[in-house]
Amino acid sequence: HVHVVLGAGDWTHSPEIMLSQLKSRATRRLREEFLVSEDASLWVRHGSTRYLWNTKSVLAASQYVMEGQDVQR
């Protein structure tokens, strides 16, 4: 299970494209390092993507990723 906050300074890529690229690159590196087998299925079909339009939303998402995932709500 992975949570990531990414930024695209020039906004040429949508969150969906960035998610796809992140999954592809992570999968390639995991396989290159022999940490997962070639036939392992690593990801769900999609994932949650959100636009974070302001500093407050970026900080809230970052805080959740760094500190809030294990908190029972």
C-alpha atoms as a PDB file:
ATOM      1  CA  HIS A   1       0.000   0.000   0.000  1.00  0.00           C
ATOM      2  CA  VAL A   2       1.526   3.294  -1.067  1.00  0.00           C
ATOM      3  CA  HIS A   3       0.629   6.953  -0.612  1.00  0.00           C
ATOM      4  CA  VAL A   4       2.582   9.608  -2.490  1.00  0.00           C
ATOM      5  CA  VAL A   5       2.307  13.367  -2.884  1.00  0.00           C
ATOM      6  CA  LEU A   6       3.754  14.471  -6.229  1.00  0.00           C
ATOM      7  CA  GLY A   7       4.064  17.850  -7.832  1.00  0.00           C
ATOM      8  CA  ALA A   8       4.224  18.835 -11.474  1.00  0.00           C
ATOM      9  CA  GLY A   9       5.541  22.353 -11.715  1.00  0.00           C
ATOM     10  CA  ASP A  10       4.570  22.863 -15.324  1.00  0.00           C
ATOM     11  CA  TRP A  11       1.201  21.024 -15.150  1.00  0.00           C
ATOM     12  CA  THR A  12       1.822  19.250 -18.440  1.00  0.00           C
ATOM     13  CA  HIS A  13       0.807  15.926 -16.926  1.00  0.00           C
ATOM     14  CA  SER A  14      -2.430  15.025 -15.209  1.00  0.00           C
ATOM     15  CA  PRO A  15      -2.397  13.120 -11.898  1.00  0.00           C
ATOM     16  CA  GLU A  16      -3.503  10.031 -13.822  1.00  0.00           C
ATOM     17  CA  ILE A  17      -0.479  10.198 -16.134  1.00  0.00           C
ATOM     18  CA  MET A  18       1.878  10.799 -13.210  1.00  0.00           C
ATOM     19  CA  LEU A  19       0.358   7.812 -11.372  1.00  0.00           C
ATOM     20  CA  SER A  20       0.847   5.600 -14.409  1.00  0.00           C
ATOM     21  CA  GLN A  21       4.457   6.725 -14.817  1.00  0.00           C
ATOM     22  CA  LEU A  22       5.193   6.226 -11.118  1.00  0.00           C
ATOM     23  CA  LYS A  23       3.801   2.680 -11.214  1.00  0.00           C
ATOM     24  CA  SER A  24       5.764   1.841 -14.366  1.00  0.00           C
ATOM     25  CA  ARG A  25       9.065   3.138 -13.046  1.00  0.00           C
ATOM     26  CA  ALA A  26       8.617   1.570  -9.608  1.00  0.00           C
ATOM     27  CA  THR A  27       7.745  -1.791 -11.141  1.00  0.00           C
ATOM     28  CA  ARG A  28      10.758  -1.669 -13.447  1.00  0.00           C
ATOM     29  CA  ARG A  29      13.145  -0.873 -10.569  1.00  0.00           C
ATOM     30  CA  LEU A  30      11.669  -3.539  -8.277  1.00  0.00           C
ATOM     31  CA  ARG A  31      12.133  -6.125 -11.021  1.00  0.00           C
ATOM     32  CA  GLU A  32      15.646  -4.933 -11.879  1.00  0.00           C
ATOM     33  CA  GLU A  33      16.616  -5.395  -8.230  1.00  0.00           C
ATOM     34  CA  PHE A  34      14.921  -8.829  -8.157  1.00  0.00           C
ATOM     35  CA  LEU A  35      12.644  -7.714  -5.324  1.00  0.00           C
ATOM     36  CA  VAL A  36       9.562  -9.002  -7.146  1.00  0.00           C
ATOM     37  CA  SER A  37       9.179 -11.703  -9.756  1.00  0.00           C
ATOM     38  CA  GLU A  38       8.573 -10.939 -13.417  1.00  0.00           C
ATOM     39  CA  ASP A  39       5.040 -12.325 -13.258  1.00  0.00           C
ATOM     40  CA  ALA A  40       4.008 -10.641  -9.988  1.00  0.00           C
ATOM     41  CA  SER A  41       0.976  -8.372 -10.122  1.00  0.00           C
ATOM     42  CA  LEU A  42       1.887  -5.292  -8.106  1.00  0.00           C
ATOM     43  CA  TRP A  43      -0.831  -2.706  -8.551  1.00  0.00           C
ATOM     44  CA  VAL A  44      -4.577  -2.286  -8.524  1.00  0.00           C
ATOM     45  CA  ARG A  45      -6.095  -1.279 -11.845  1.00  0.00           C
ATOM     46  CA  HIS A  46      -6.121   2.429 -11.022  1.00  0.00           C
ATOM     47  CA  GLY A  47      -5.592   4.391  -7.851  1.00  0.00           C
ATOM     48  CA  SER A  48      -6.803   7.508  -6.137  1.00  0.00           C
ATOM     49  CA  THR A  49      -5.670  10.753  -7.749  1.00  0.00           C
ATOM     50  CA  ARG A  50      -6.401  14.229  -6.487  1.00  0.00           C
ATOM     51  CA  TYR A  51      -5.575  17.740  -7.547  1.00  0.00           C
ATOM     52  CA  LEU A  52      -4.079  19.766  -4.695  1.00  0.00           C
ATOM     53  CA  TRP A  53      -4.631  23.352  -5.743  1.00  0.00           C
ATOM     54  CA  ASN A  54      -3.250  25.272  -2.793  1.00  0.00           C
ATOM     55  CA  THR A  55      -0.632  25.129  -0.066  1.00  0.00           C
ATOM     56  CA  LYS A  56      -3.157  24.119   2.583  1.00  0.00           C
ATOM     57  CA  SER A  57      -4.282  21.049   0.636  1.00  0.00           C
ATOM     58  CA  VAL A  58      -0.682  20.046  -0.175  1.00  0.00           C
ATOM     59  CA  LEU A  59       0.298  20.337   3.493  1.00  0.00           C
ATOM     60  CA  ALA A  60      -2.733  18.321   4.619  1.00  0.00           C
ATOM     61  CA  ALA A  61      -2.040  15.551   2.109  1.00  0.00           C
ATOM     62  CA  SER A  62       1.656  15.509   3.011  1.00  0.00           C
ATOM     63  CA  GLN A  63       0.898  15.322   6.714  1.00  0.00           C
ATOM     64  CA  TYR A  64      -1.467  12.409   6.117  1.00  0.00           C
ATOM     65  CA  VAL A  65       1.137  10.546   4.077  1.00  0.00           C
ATOM     66  CA  MET A  66       3.869  11.112   6.666  1.00  0.00           C
ATOM     67  CA  GLU A  67       1.895  10.782   9.901  1.00  0.00           C
ATOM     68  CA  GLY A  68      -1.766   9.935   9.565  1.00  0.00           C
ATOM     69  CA  GLN A  69      -2.028   6.593   7.793  1.00  0.00           C
ATOM     70  CA  ASP A  70      -1.827   4.448  10.893  1.00  0.00           C
ATOM     71  CA  VAL A  71      -4.279   6.524  12.901  1.00  0.00           C
ATOM     72  CA  GLN A  72      -7.610   4.778  13.478  1.00  0.00           C
ATOM     73  CA  ARG A  73     -10.493   7.077  12.591  1.00  0.00           C
END
